[in-house]
Amino acid sequence: IFSNFSSACADDISYRDKYGLPCASYEGAICYNMGFVGFSKNEVSMLMSRCPSTCRLCKCEDDPMFRDPIGLTCSVHQRTVQLGSKCDDMVAIGYTRKEVKNLKENCPAACGECE
């Protein structure tokens, strides 16, 4: 599940945890459960406050300014998804995996990535 990467909900690129790891190291982790692997309450709180995007704490909204490599907006992709396609299917028509990842990060609602 991806979250909006707007400036209001961006990870702090200077953040490093007690092991020297950046926010990106926690992609896919359930941040609030990091206490089970040795983080203190303060460390969990710091991780969640400084890495809101990675910790999936942002509202799931599409970036209205986003345009994919051929200029399509999230709303265009949303119509495609409503017709039965998936954002992951864009690889079949020439998008790179990196472009699909970027699409899903910027258009999580359109791509059906929200809980």
N, C-alpha and C. Protein backbone atom coordinates (compact mmCIF):
# COMPACT_ATOMS: atom_id res chain seq x y z
N ILE A 1 0.85 -1.17 0.00
CA ILE A 1 0.00 0.00 0.00
C ILE A 1 0.89 1.22 0.00
N PHE A 2 0.59 2.10 -0.88
CA PHE A 2 1.40 3.29 -0.98
C PHE A 2 0.60 4.48 -0.50
N SER A 3 1.33 5.50 -0.07
CA SER A 3 0.70 6.72 0.40
C SER A 3 1.15 7.89 -0.44
N ASN A 4 0.41 8.95 -0.33
CA ASN A 4 0.75 10.15 -1.06
C ASN A 4 2.09 10.69 -0.58
N PHE A 5 2.95 11.07 -1.51
CA PHE A 5 4.26 11.59 -1.17
C PHE A 5 4.29 13.10 -1.27
N SER A 6 3.21 13.76 -0.91
CA SER A 6 3.18 15.21 -0.96
C SER A 6 4.11 15.77 0.10
N SER A 7 4.44 17.04 -0.03
CA SER A 7 5.36 17.66 0.92
C SER A 7 4.80 17.62 2.33
N ALA A 8 3.48 17.60 2.48
CA ALA A 8 2.87 17.55 3.80
C ALA A 8 3.05 16.18 4.45
N CYS A 9 3.39 15.21 3.66
CA CYS A 9 3.54 13.87 4.21
C CYS A 9 4.75 13.19 3.59
N ALA A 10 5.87 13.83 3.73
CA ALA A 10 7.11 13.27 3.18
C ALA A 10 8.01 12.80 4.31
N ASP A 11 8.74 11.75 4.04
CA ASP A 11 9.72 11.27 5.00
C ASP A 11 10.85 12.30 5.15
N ASP A 12 11.40 12.35 6.33
CA ASP A 12 12.54 13.20 6.62
C ASP A 12 13.79 12.49 6.10
N ILE A 13 14.39 13.02 5.04
CA ILE A 13 15.53 12.33 4.43
C ILE A 13 16.76 12.31 5.34
N SER A 14 16.77 13.14 6.36
CA SER A 14 17.91 13.15 7.28
C SER A 14 17.74 12.14 8.42
N TYR A 15 16.57 11.54 8.54
CA TYR A 15 16.31 10.61 9.64
C TYR A 15 17.20 9.38 9.55
N ARG A 16 17.74 8.98 10.69
CA ARG A 16 18.45 7.71 10.85
C ARG A 16 18.04 7.15 12.20
N ASP A 17 17.72 5.86 12.22
CA ASP A 17 17.35 5.23 13.49
C ASP A 17 18.62 4.92 14.30
N LYS A 18 18.44 4.23 15.40
CA LYS A 18 19.59 3.94 16.28
C LYS A 18 20.63 3.04 15.62
N TYR A 19 20.26 2.41 14.51
CA TYR A 19 21.19 1.56 13.77
C TYR A 19 21.79 2.29 12.56
N GLY A 20 21.38 3.55 12.39
CA GLY A 20 21.86 4.34 11.26
C GLY A 20 21.06 4.13 9.98
N LEU A 21 19.90 3.49 10.10
CA LEU A 21 19.08 3.19 8.92
C LEU A 21 18.10 4.31 8.62
N PRO A 22 17.90 4.62 7.33
CA PRO A 22 16.94 5.66 6.93
C PRO A 22 15.51 5.12 6.88
N CYS A 23 14.58 6.01 6.66
CA CYS A 23 13.17 5.63 6.56
C CYS A 23 12.94 4.50 5.57
N ALA A 24 13.58 4.59 4.42
CA ALA A 24 13.36 3.60 3.36
C ALA A 24 13.63 2.17 3.81
N SER A 25 14.43 2.01 4.84
CA SER A 25 14.72 0.67 5.36
C SER A 25 13.49 0.01 5.97
N TYR A 26 12.48 0.81 6.26
CA TYR A 26 11.28 0.29 6.92
C TYR A 26 10.11 0.14 5.96
N GLU A 27 10.37 0.26 4.67
CA GLU A 27 9.32 0.07 3.67
C GLU A 27 8.70 -1.32 3.86
N GLY A 28 7.40 -1.37 4.03
CA GLY A 28 6.70 -2.63 4.21
C GLY A 28 6.59 -3.08 5.66
N ALA A 29 7.32 -2.42 6.55
CA ALA A 29 7.24 -2.78 7.97
C ALA A 29 6.01 -2.14 8.60
N ILE A 30 5.58 -2.70 9.69
CA ILE A 30 4.50 -2.09 10.47
C ILE A 30 5.19 -1.30 11.57
N CYS A 31 5.35 -0.02 11.31
CA CYS A 31 6.19 0.82 12.17
C CYS A 31 5.78 0.80 13.63
N TYR A 32 4.48 0.81 13.89
CA TYR A 32 4.05 0.86 15.29
C TYR A 32 4.35 -0.44 16.04
N ASN A 33 4.75 -1.48 15.34
CA ASN A 33 5.12 -2.74 15.99
C ASN A 33 6.63 -2.88 16.20
N MET A 34 7.40 -1.86 15.90
CA MET A 34 8.85 -1.97 16.02
C MET A 34 9.31 -2.15 17.46
N GLY A 35 8.44 -1.88 18.41
CA GLY A 35 8.77 -2.14 19.81
C GLY A 35 9.02 -3.63 20.06
N PHE A 36 8.39 -4.47 19.25
CA PHE A 36 8.58 -5.92 19.41
C PHE A 36 9.97 -6.38 18.98
N VAL A 37 10.69 -5.53 18.27
CA VAL A 37 12.05 -5.90 17.85
C VAL A 37 13.10 -5.03 18.54
N GLY A 38 12.72 -4.43 19.66
CA GLY A 38 13.70 -3.74 20.48
C GLY A 38 13.67 -2.23 20.47
N PHE A 39 12.77 -1.62 19.71
CA PHE A 39 12.68 -0.16 19.73
C PHE A 39 11.96 0.28 21.00
N SER A 40 12.42 1.37 21.59
CA SER A 40 11.71 1.95 22.74
C SER A 40 10.47 2.68 22.22
N LYS A 41 9.57 3.04 23.14
CA LYS A 41 8.38 3.80 22.73
C LYS A 41 8.78 5.09 22.04
N ASN A 42 9.81 5.74 22.57
CA ASN A 42 10.29 6.99 21.97
C ASN A 42 10.84 6.76 20.57
N GLU A 43 11.56 5.67 20.38
CA GLU A 43 12.12 5.36 19.06
C GLU A 43 11.02 5.04 18.05
N VAL A 44 9.99 4.33 18.49
CA VAL A 44 8.85 4.04 17.61
C VAL A 44 8.15 5.34 17.23
N SER A 45 7.95 6.19 18.22
CA SER A 45 7.30 7.47 17.98
C SER A 45 8.11 8.32 17.00
N MET A 46 9.42 8.33 17.18
CA MET A 46 10.29 9.10 16.30
C MET A 46 10.24 8.54 14.87
N LEU A 47 10.30 7.23 14.74
CA LEU A 47 10.22 6.60 13.42
C LEU A 47 8.92 7.00 12.72
N MET A 48 7.83 6.92 13.43
CA MET A 48 6.53 7.22 12.83
C MET A 48 6.37 8.71 12.50
N SER A 49 6.91 9.57 13.33
CA SER A 49 6.77 11.00 13.06
C SER A 49 7.71 11.49 11.97
N ARG A 50 8.86 10.86 11.84
CA ARG A 50 9.84 11.31 10.84
C ARG A 50 9.74 10.54 9.52
N CYS A 51 9.00 9.43 9.53
CA CYS A 51 8.85 8.61 8.32
C CYS A 51 7.37 8.33 8.03
N PRO A 52 6.54 9.35 7.98
CA PRO A 52 5.10 9.11 7.83
C PRO A 52 4.72 8.43 6.52
N SER A 53 5.44 8.73 5.47
CA SER A 53 5.11 8.10 4.19
C SER A 53 5.46 6.62 4.21
N THR A 54 6.68 6.31 4.63
CA THR A 54 7.11 4.91 4.72
C THR A 54 6.22 4.13 5.68
N CYS A 55 5.83 4.75 6.77
CA CYS A 55 4.99 4.08 7.77
C CYS A 55 3.51 4.08 7.38
N ARG A 56 3.21 4.58 6.21
CA ARG A 56 1.85 4.60 5.66
C ARG A 56 0.86 5.30 6.60
N LEU A 57 1.27 6.47 7.06
CA LEU A 57 0.41 7.25 7.95
C LEU A 57 -0.30 8.38 7.22
N CYS A 58 -0.01 8.53 5.96
CA CYS A 58 -0.59 9.62 5.17
C CYS A 58 -1.97 9.22 4.66
N LYS A 59 -2.76 10.22 4.39
CA LYS A 59 -4.04 9.93 3.75
C LYS A 59 -3.74 9.38 2.36
N CYS A 60 -4.56 8.50 1.94
CA CYS A 60 -4.36 7.90 0.62
C CYS A 60 -5.04 8.78 -0.42
N GLU A 61 -4.25 9.64 -1.01
CA GLU A 61 -4.76 10.56 -2.02
C GLU A 61 -3.81 10.56 -3.21
N ASP A 62 -4.38 10.74 -4.37
CA ASP A 62 -3.57 10.86 -5.57
C ASP A 62 -2.98 12.27 -5.65
N ASP A 63 -1.80 12.35 -6.22
CA ASP A 63 -1.15 13.64 -6.43
C ASP A 63 -1.78 14.29 -7.66
N PRO A 64 -2.50 15.40 -7.48
CA PRO A 64 -3.18 16.02 -8.62
C PRO A 64 -2.22 16.60 -9.66
N MET A 65 -0.97 16.79 -9.30
CA MET A 65 0.02 17.34 -10.23
C MET A 65 0.78 16.26 -11.00
N PHE A 66 0.59 15.01 -10.60
CA PHE A 66 1.35 13.92 -11.22
C PHE A 66 0.96 13.70 -12.67
N ARG A 67 1.98 13.47 -13.48
CA ARG A 67 1.80 13.05 -14.87
C ARG A 67 2.78 11.91 -15.10
N ASP A 68 2.31 10.85 -15.72
CA ASP A 68 3.20 9.72 -16.00
C ASP A 68 4.09 10.08 -17.20
N PRO A 69 4.95 9.17 -17.64
CA PRO A 69 5.89 9.50 -18.72
C PRO A 69 5.23 9.96 -20.03
N ILE A 70 3.98 9.58 -20.25
CA ILE A 70 3.32 10.04 -21.48
C ILE A 70 2.28 11.12 -21.20
N GLY A 71 2.30 11.65 -19.98
CA GLY A 71 1.45 12.79 -19.65
C GLY A 71 0.09 12.46 -19.07
N LEU A 72 -0.17 11.19 -18.77
CA LEU A 72 -1.48 10.82 -18.23
C LEU A 72 -1.56 11.13 -16.74
N THR A 73 -2.73 11.55 -16.31
CA THR A 73 -2.97 11.88 -14.90
C THR A 73 -3.47 10.65 -14.14
N CYS A 74 -3.53 10.79 -12.84
CA CYS A 74 -4.07 9.71 -12.00
C CYS A 74 -5.51 9.40 -12.36
N SER A 75 -6.29 10.43 -12.69
CA SER A 75 -7.70 10.19 -13.01
C SER A 75 -7.85 9.34 -14.27
N VAL A 76 -6.95 9.50 -15.22
CA VAL A 76 -6.99 8.66 -16.43
C VAL A 76 -6.69 7.21 -16.04
N HIS A 77 -5.70 7.03 -15.19
CA HIS A 77 -5.37 5.67 -14.75
C HIS A 77 -6.50 5.07 -13.92
N GLN A 78 -7.19 5.90 -13.16
CA GLN A 78 -8.31 5.41 -12.37
C GLN A 78 -9.41 4.85 -13.28
N ARG A 79 -9.67 5.52 -14.38
CA ARG A 79 -10.68 5.02 -15.33
C ARG A 79 -10.24 3.68 -15.91
N THR A 80 -8.95 3.53 -16.17
CA THR A 80 -8.42 2.27 -16.70
C THR A 80 -8.61 1.15 -15.68
N VAL A 81 -8.36 1.46 -14.42
CA VAL A 81 -8.53 0.47 -13.35
C VAL A 81 -10.01 0.10 -13.21
N GLN A 82 -10.88 1.08 -13.33
CA GLN A 82 -12.32 0.81 -13.24
C GLN A 82 -12.79 -0.11 -14.36
N LEU A 83 -12.07 -0.10 -15.47
CA LEU A 83 -12.42 -0.97 -16.60
C LEU A 83 -11.82 -2.37 -16.47
N GLY A 84 -11.13 -2.62 -15.36
CA GLY A 84 -10.62 -3.96 -15.09
C GLY A 84 -9.12 -4.14 -15.21
N SER A 85 -8.42 -3.11 -15.60
CA SER A 85 -6.97 -3.20 -15.69
C SER A 85 -6.37 -2.89 -14.32
N LYS A 86 -5.08 -3.08 -14.17
CA LYS A 86 -4.37 -2.73 -12.94
C LYS A 86 -3.18 -1.87 -13.31
N CYS A 87 -2.75 -1.05 -12.40
CA CYS A 87 -1.58 -0.22 -12.68
C CYS A 87 -0.36 -1.09 -12.98
N ASP A 88 -0.27 -2.24 -12.32
CA ASP A 88 0.85 -3.16 -12.60
C ASP A 88 0.85 -3.63 -14.05
N ASP A 89 -0.32 -3.65 -14.68
CA ASP A 89 -0.43 -4.10 -16.07
C ASP A 89 0.24 -3.15 -17.06
N MET A 90 0.60 -1.95 -16.60
CA MET A 90 1.20 -0.97 -17.49
C MET A 90 2.54 -1.45 -18.04
N VAL A 91 3.17 -2.39 -17.36
CA VAL A 91 4.43 -2.97 -17.84
C VAL A 91 4.20 -3.63 -19.20
N ALA A 92 3.04 -4.24 -19.37
CA ALA A 92 2.73 -4.95 -20.62
C ALA A 92 2.64 -4.01 -21.82
N ILE A 93 2.41 -2.72 -21.56
CA ILE A 93 2.32 -1.79 -22.68
C ILE A 93 3.53 -0.86 -22.77
N GLY A 94 4.61 -1.25 -22.07
CA GLY A 94 5.86 -0.52 -22.25
C GLY A 94 6.37 0.31 -21.09
N TYR A 95 5.60 0.42 -20.02
CA TYR A 95 6.10 1.15 -18.86
C TYR A 95 7.19 0.30 -18.19
N THR A 96 8.20 0.96 -17.65
CA THR A 96 9.22 0.22 -16.90
C THR A 96 8.67 -0.07 -15.51
N ARG A 97 9.29 -1.00 -14.82
CA ARG A 97 8.87 -1.29 -13.44
C ARG A 97 9.02 -0.05 -12.56
N LYS A 98 10.06 0.72 -12.81
CA LYS A 98 10.27 1.95 -12.05
C LYS A 98 9.14 2.95 -12.31
N GLU A 99 8.70 3.04 -13.55
CA GLU A 99 7.59 3.94 -13.89
C GLU A 99 6.29 3.48 -13.24
N VAL A 100 6.08 2.17 -13.19
CA VAL A 100 4.87 1.64 -12.54
C VAL A 100 4.94 1.91 -11.04
N LYS A 101 6.10 1.72 -10.44
CA LYS A 101 6.26 2.00 -9.01
C LYS A 101 5.95 3.47 -8.74
N ASN A 102 6.47 4.34 -9.57
CA ASN A 102 6.23 5.78 -9.44
C ASN A 102 4.74 6.09 -9.60
N LEU A 103 4.11 5.45 -10.56
CA LEU A 103 2.67 5.63 -10.77
C LEU A 103 1.89 5.23 -9.52
N LYS A 104 2.21 4.07 -8.97
CA LYS A 104 1.49 3.58 -7.79
C LYS A 104 1.74 4.45 -6.57
N GLU A 105 2.94 5.00 -6.45
CA GLU A 105 3.25 5.88 -5.33
C GLU A 105 2.51 7.20 -5.43
N ASN A 106 2.36 7.71 -6.64
CA ASN A 106 1.72 9.00 -6.84
C ASN A 106 0.21 8.92 -7.05
N CYS A 107 -0.28 7.75 -7.41
CA CYS A 107 -1.71 7.55 -7.67
C CYS A 107 -2.24 6.35 -6.88
N PRO A 108 -2.02 6.31 -5.57
CA PRO A 108 -2.42 5.13 -4.82
C PRO A 108 -3.93 4.87 -4.84
N ALA A 109 -4.72 5.92 -4.79
CA ALA A 109 -6.18 5.73 -4.82
C ALA A 109 -6.61 5.22 -6.20
N ALA A 110 -6.09 5.84 -7.25
CA ALA A 110 -6.44 5.43 -8.61
C ALA A 110 -6.02 3.99 -8.88
N CYS A 111 -4.89 3.60 -8.32
CA CYS A 111 -4.37 2.25 -8.56
C CYS A 111 -4.94 1.21 -7.60
N GLY A 112 -5.83 1.62 -6.72
CA GLY A 112 -6.45 0.68 -5.79
C GLY A 112 -5.51 0.19 -4.71
N GLU A 113 -4.55 1.04 -4.32
CA GLU A 113 -3.56 0.66 -3.33
C GLU A 113 -3.94 1.04 -1.90
N CYS A 114 -5.07 1.68 -1.72
CA CYS A 114 -5.47 2.14 -0.38
C CYS A 114 -6.22 1.05 0.36
N GLU A 115 -6.11 1.08 1.66
CA GLU A 115 -6.86 0.12 2.48
C GLU A 115 -8.31 0.53 2.56
